[in-house]
Amino acid sequence: MINEITQVPTNSFIIINIQQKSLKINFIENQENTIPLESQKGLKILDEWMDKWGYIFRSLLKKTDNISFDLSGGFDSRILLSILLNSGFEMNNLIINTYKNKENE
C-alpha cells in the first residue's frame, strides 16, 4: 500500500489503516503569510527556527552516538546541513547518506 503513494499534496497528511488496508488524505487548513526575509520579523523567525532545530538535533545526540541524514543536495537538504554545521556539531557524529542520480553522470 505504501508503494501506491507517489506524492503527498501540499498542506496534507496521510492516515494509513493497516487493518482495513486503506489510506486517507487529510488536508490542513493553512493560510500562508509572506514575511520579507530581510525584515526584522523575518530574521527573528529564522533565528528562532534555527535555535529550535539546533536544540532538537543536540537533544538527539545526547540519546545516541550519531545521527543519520539522507541529503539530496536540494534546497531543504542544504538548509538542514547548514543548521547542523552552524549548531557546532562534531561532523564525526553525523552520518550523511546521498544518492547519485545516474542521469547526472
N, C-alpha and C. Protein backbone atom coordinates (compact mmCIF):
# COMPACT_ATOMS: atom_id res chain seq x y z
N MET A 1 0.82 -1.19 0.00
CA MET A 1 0.00 0.00 0.00
C MET A 1 0.87 1.26 0.00
N ILE A 2 1.99 1.21 0.68
CA ILE A 2 2.87 2.38 0.73
C ILE A 2 3.36 2.73 -0.67
N ASN A 3 3.59 1.73 -1.50
CA ASN A 3 4.07 1.98 -2.85
C ASN A 3 3.04 2.73 -3.70
N GLU A 4 1.79 2.74 -3.28
CA GLU A 4 0.75 3.46 -4.02
C GLU A 4 0.85 4.97 -3.83
N ILE A 5 1.56 5.40 -2.81
CA ILE A 5 1.71 6.83 -2.54
C ILE A 5 2.86 7.35 -3.39
N THR A 6 2.54 8.22 -4.32
CA THR A 6 3.58 8.77 -5.18
C THR A 6 3.95 10.19 -4.80
N GLN A 7 2.98 10.96 -4.33
CA GLN A 7 3.25 12.32 -3.93
C GLN A 7 2.17 12.76 -2.94
N VAL A 8 2.62 13.37 -1.85
CA VAL A 8 1.67 13.88 -0.86
C VAL A 8 1.40 15.34 -1.21
N PRO A 9 0.13 15.71 -1.39
CA PRO A 9 -0.18 17.10 -1.74
C PRO A 9 0.26 18.07 -0.65
N THR A 10 0.52 19.30 -1.05
CA THR A 10 0.90 20.36 -0.12
C THR A 10 -0.17 20.53 0.95
N ASN A 11 0.27 20.81 2.17
CA ASN A 11 -0.64 21.04 3.31
C ASN A 11 -1.56 19.85 3.57
N SER A 12 -0.99 18.66 3.58
CA SER A 12 -1.80 17.47 3.83
C SER A 12 -0.98 16.44 4.59
N PHE A 13 -1.68 15.47 5.16
CA PHE A 13 -1.03 14.33 5.78
C PHE A 13 -1.86 13.09 5.49
N ILE A 14 -1.22 11.93 5.59
CA ILE A 14 -1.88 10.67 5.23
C ILE A 14 -2.07 9.82 6.47
N ILE A 15 -3.25 9.24 6.61
CA ILE A 15 -3.54 8.28 7.67
C ILE A 15 -3.68 6.91 7.00
N ILE A 16 -2.84 5.97 7.43
CA ILE A 16 -2.86 4.63 6.86
C ILE A 16 -3.48 3.68 7.88
N ASN A 17 -4.51 2.95 7.47
CA ASN A 17 -5.16 1.95 8.31
C ASN A 17 -4.77 0.58 7.77
N ILE A 18 -3.86 -0.07 8.47
CA ILE A 18 -3.33 -1.36 8.01
C ILE A 18 -4.40 -2.43 8.04
N GLN A 19 -5.22 -2.46 9.09
CA GLN A 19 -6.25 -3.49 9.20
C GLN A 19 -7.26 -3.41 8.04
N GLN A 20 -7.67 -2.20 7.70
CA GLN A 20 -8.65 -2.04 6.63
C GLN A 20 -8.01 -1.89 5.25
N LYS A 21 -6.68 -1.87 5.24
CA LYS A 21 -5.92 -1.68 4.00
C LYS A 21 -6.42 -0.46 3.23
N SER A 22 -6.43 0.66 3.95
CA SER A 22 -6.91 1.89 3.34
C SER A 22 -6.01 3.05 3.76
N LEU A 23 -6.07 4.10 2.98
CA LEU A 23 -5.39 5.32 3.36
C LEU A 23 -6.29 6.50 3.07
N LYS A 24 -6.11 7.54 3.86
CA LYS A 24 -6.94 8.72 3.73
C LYS A 24 -6.04 9.95 3.76
N ILE A 25 -6.26 10.85 2.83
CA ILE A 25 -5.50 12.09 2.81
C ILE A 25 -6.33 13.17 3.49
N ASN A 26 -5.77 13.78 4.51
CA ASN A 26 -6.41 14.89 5.21
C ASN A 26 -5.67 16.17 4.86
N PHE A 27 -6.42 17.21 4.59
CA PHE A 27 -5.82 18.49 4.26
C PHE A 27 -5.83 19.41 5.46
N ILE A 28 -4.77 20.15 5.62
CA ILE A 28 -4.61 21.10 6.71
C ILE A 28 -5.03 22.47 6.20
N GLU A 29 -5.98 23.08 6.87
CA GLU A 29 -6.38 24.44 6.51
C GLU A 29 -5.27 25.37 6.97
N ASN A 30 -4.53 25.87 6.02
CA ASN A 30 -3.37 26.68 6.35
C ASN A 30 -3.33 27.90 5.46
N GLN A 31 -3.49 29.04 6.06
CA GLN A 31 -3.40 30.28 5.31
C GLN A 31 -1.95 30.74 5.34
N GLU A 32 -1.34 30.79 4.18
CA GLU A 32 0.07 31.16 4.11
C GLU A 32 0.22 32.67 4.15
N ASN A 33 1.19 33.11 4.92
CA ASN A 33 1.53 34.52 5.00
C ASN A 33 2.96 34.70 4.52
N THR A 34 3.21 35.79 3.88
CA THR A 34 4.56 36.08 3.40
C THR A 34 5.17 37.15 4.28
N ILE A 35 6.36 36.87 4.77
CA ILE A 35 7.11 37.84 5.57
C ILE A 35 8.43 38.04 4.86
N PRO A 36 8.78 39.27 4.53
CA PRO A 36 10.07 39.50 3.85
C PRO A 36 11.23 38.97 4.69
N LEU A 37 12.06 38.16 4.07
CA LEU A 37 13.16 37.51 4.77
C LEU A 37 14.11 38.52 5.39
N GLU A 38 14.35 39.63 4.71
CA GLU A 38 15.32 40.60 5.21
C GLU A 38 14.73 41.57 6.24
N SER A 39 13.45 41.41 6.55
CA SER A 39 12.83 42.28 7.56
C SER A 39 13.25 41.83 8.96
N GLN A 40 13.06 42.70 9.93
CA GLN A 40 13.40 42.37 11.32
C GLN A 40 12.60 41.15 11.78
N LYS A 41 11.31 41.12 11.44
CA LYS A 41 10.46 40.00 11.83
C LYS A 41 10.91 38.71 11.14
N GLY A 42 11.26 38.79 9.86
CA GLY A 42 11.72 37.61 9.13
C GLY A 42 13.01 37.04 9.71
N LEU A 43 13.95 37.91 10.02
CA LEU A 43 15.21 37.46 10.61
C LEU A 43 15.00 36.85 12.00
N LYS A 44 14.08 37.44 12.77
CA LYS A 44 13.77 36.90 14.10
C LYS A 44 13.18 35.49 13.99
N ILE A 45 12.26 35.30 13.04
CA ILE A 45 11.66 33.98 12.85
C ILE A 45 12.72 32.96 12.43
N LEU A 46 13.61 33.35 11.52
CA LEU A 46 14.68 32.43 11.09
C LEU A 46 15.59 32.06 12.26
N ASP A 47 15.95 33.04 13.09
CA ASP A 47 16.80 32.76 14.25
C ASP A 47 16.11 31.79 15.22
N GLU A 48 14.81 32.02 15.47
CA GLU A 48 14.07 31.13 16.38
C GLU A 48 13.97 29.73 15.81
N TRP A 49 13.73 29.63 14.50
CA TRP A 49 13.62 28.34 13.83
C TRP A 49 14.96 27.60 13.90
N MET A 50 16.05 28.31 13.65
CA MET A 50 17.39 27.72 13.72
C MET A 50 17.69 27.23 15.13
N ASP A 51 17.37 28.04 16.14
CA ASP A 51 17.61 27.65 17.53
C ASP A 51 16.80 26.41 17.90
N LYS A 52 15.55 26.36 17.45
CA LYS A 52 14.69 25.22 17.76
C LYS A 52 15.25 23.93 17.19
N TRP A 53 15.61 23.93 15.90
CA TRP A 53 16.12 22.71 15.27
C TRP A 53 17.50 22.35 15.79
N GLY A 54 18.32 23.35 16.11
CA GLY A 54 19.61 23.06 16.72
C GLY A 54 19.43 22.35 18.06
N TYR A 55 18.47 22.82 18.85
CA TYR A 55 18.15 22.18 20.14
C TYR A 55 17.68 20.74 19.93
N ILE A 56 16.81 20.53 18.94
CA ILE A 56 16.32 19.17 18.66
C ILE A 56 17.47 18.25 18.28
N PHE A 57 18.35 18.71 17.40
CA PHE A 57 19.48 17.87 16.98
C PHE A 57 20.43 17.59 18.14
N ARG A 58 20.70 18.60 18.96
CA ARG A 58 21.59 18.37 20.12
C ARG A 58 20.95 17.38 21.10
N SER A 59 19.62 17.47 21.27
CA SER A 59 18.92 16.53 22.15
C SER A 59 19.02 15.11 21.62
N LEU A 60 18.90 14.96 20.31
CA LEU A 60 19.05 13.62 19.71
C LEU A 60 20.44 13.06 19.94
N LEU A 61 21.46 13.89 19.83
CA LEU A 61 22.83 13.42 20.02
C LEU A 61 23.10 12.99 21.46
N LYS A 62 22.35 13.53 22.41
CA LYS A 62 22.51 13.10 23.80
C LYS A 62 22.00 11.68 24.00
N LYS A 63 21.10 11.23 23.11
CA LYS A 63 20.48 9.91 23.25
C LYS A 63 21.14 8.85 22.38
N THR A 64 22.02 9.25 21.48
CA THR A 64 22.64 8.30 20.56
C THR A 64 24.06 8.76 20.24
N ASP A 65 24.84 7.87 19.67
CA ASP A 65 26.22 8.20 19.34
C ASP A 65 26.33 9.05 18.08
N ASN A 66 25.34 8.90 17.18
CA ASN A 66 25.40 9.67 15.94
C ASN A 66 24.00 9.84 15.38
N ILE A 67 23.89 10.73 14.41
CA ILE A 67 22.64 10.99 13.72
C ILE A 67 22.86 10.74 12.24
N SER A 68 21.91 10.09 11.61
CA SER A 68 22.00 9.78 10.19
C SER A 68 20.98 10.61 9.41
N PHE A 69 21.43 11.20 8.30
CA PHE A 69 20.58 12.03 7.45
C PHE A 69 20.68 11.58 6.01
N ASP A 70 19.58 11.64 5.30
CA ASP A 70 19.56 11.43 3.86
C ASP A 70 19.45 12.79 3.21
N LEU A 71 20.49 13.19 2.50
CA LEU A 71 20.51 14.51 1.87
C LEU A 71 20.54 14.35 0.36
N SER A 72 19.68 15.12 -0.31
CA SER A 72 19.60 15.03 -1.76
C SER A 72 20.43 16.10 -2.46
N GLY A 73 20.81 17.13 -1.76
CA GLY A 73 21.50 18.24 -2.39
C GLY A 73 20.54 19.35 -2.79
N GLY A 74 19.25 19.12 -2.56
CA GLY A 74 18.24 20.13 -2.86
C GLY A 74 18.22 21.23 -1.81
N PHE A 75 17.30 22.15 -1.96
CA PHE A 75 17.22 23.31 -1.08
C PHE A 75 17.03 22.91 0.38
N ASP A 76 16.09 22.00 0.65
CA ASP A 76 15.83 21.57 2.03
C ASP A 76 17.06 20.91 2.64
N SER A 77 17.73 20.08 1.87
CA SER A 77 18.92 19.41 2.37
C SER A 77 20.03 20.40 2.70
N ARG A 78 20.18 21.41 1.88
CA ARG A 78 21.21 22.43 2.14
C ARG A 78 20.89 23.22 3.40
N ILE A 79 19.61 23.50 3.63
CA ILE A 79 19.22 24.20 4.86
C ILE A 79 19.52 23.33 6.07
N LEU A 80 19.17 22.05 6.00
CA LEU A 80 19.42 21.12 7.10
C LEU A 80 20.91 21.04 7.41
N LEU A 81 21.73 20.87 6.38
CA LEU A 81 23.17 20.77 6.60
C LEU A 81 23.72 22.08 7.17
N SER A 82 23.21 23.20 6.73
CA SER A 82 23.63 24.49 7.25
C SER A 82 23.31 24.61 8.74
N ILE A 83 22.14 24.15 9.14
CA ILE A 83 21.76 24.18 10.56
C ILE A 83 22.73 23.31 11.36
N LEU A 84 23.00 22.13 10.85
CA LEU A 84 23.91 21.23 11.56
C LEU A 84 25.30 21.83 11.71
N LEU A 85 25.82 22.39 10.63
CA LEU A 85 27.17 22.96 10.67
C LEU A 85 27.24 24.18 11.57
N ASN A 86 26.18 24.97 11.60
CA ASN A 86 26.18 26.19 12.42
C ASN A 86 25.75 25.95 13.85
N SER A 87 25.38 24.72 14.19
CA SER A 87 24.99 24.40 15.56
C SER A 87 26.14 23.82 16.36
N GLY A 88 27.33 23.80 15.78
CA GLY A 88 28.51 23.33 16.49
C GLY A 88 28.62 21.82 16.59
N PHE A 89 28.02 21.11 15.66
CA PHE A 89 28.10 19.65 15.68
C PHE A 89 29.48 19.17 15.29
N GLU A 90 29.91 18.12 15.93
CA GLU A 90 31.12 17.42 15.52
C GLU A 90 30.74 16.57 14.31
N MET A 91 31.34 16.84 13.19
CA MET A 91 30.96 16.16 11.95
C MET A 91 31.15 14.64 12.04
N ASN A 92 32.02 14.17 12.93
CA ASN A 92 32.21 12.73 13.10
C ASN A 92 30.98 12.06 13.70
N ASN A 93 30.06 12.85 14.28
CA ASN A 93 28.83 12.30 14.86
C ASN A 93 27.69 12.25 13.85
N LEU A 94 27.94 12.69 12.63
CA LEU A 94 26.90 12.71 11.61
C LEU A 94 27.18 11.67 10.54
N ILE A 95 26.16 10.94 10.16
CA ILE A 95 26.24 10.02 9.03
C ILE A 95 25.35 10.61 7.95
N ILE A 96 25.96 11.02 6.86
CA ILE A 96 25.20 11.67 5.78
C ILE A 96 25.17 10.73 4.59
N ASN A 97 23.95 10.37 4.19
CA ASN A 97 23.74 9.50 3.04
C ASN A 97 23.29 10.34 1.87
N THR A 98 23.84 10.06 0.70
CA THR A 98 23.42 10.77 -0.51
C THR A 98 23.13 9.74 -1.59
N TYR A 99 22.47 10.18 -2.61
CA TYR A 99 22.11 9.32 -3.72
C TYR A 99 22.58 9.98 -4.99
N LYS A 100 23.32 9.25 -5.80
CA LYS A 100 23.78 9.79 -7.06
C LYS A 100 22.84 9.35 -8.16
N ASN A 101 22.25 10.31 -8.82
CA ASN A 101 21.33 10.05 -9.90
C ASN A 101 22.14 9.71 -11.15
N LYS A 102 21.88 8.56 -11.77
CA LYS A 102 22.65 8.15 -12.94
C LYS A 102 22.49 9.11 -14.12
N GLU A 103 21.38 9.85 -14.14
CA GLU A 103 21.17 10.81 -15.24
C GLU A 103 22.18 11.96 -15.16
N ASN A 104 22.75 12.21 -13.99
CA ASN A 104 23.67 13.32 -13.81
C ASN A 104 25.13 12.91 -13.93
N GLU A 105 25.39 11.70 -14.39
CA GLU A 105 26.79 11.26 -14.51
C GLU A 105 27.45 11.85 -15.73
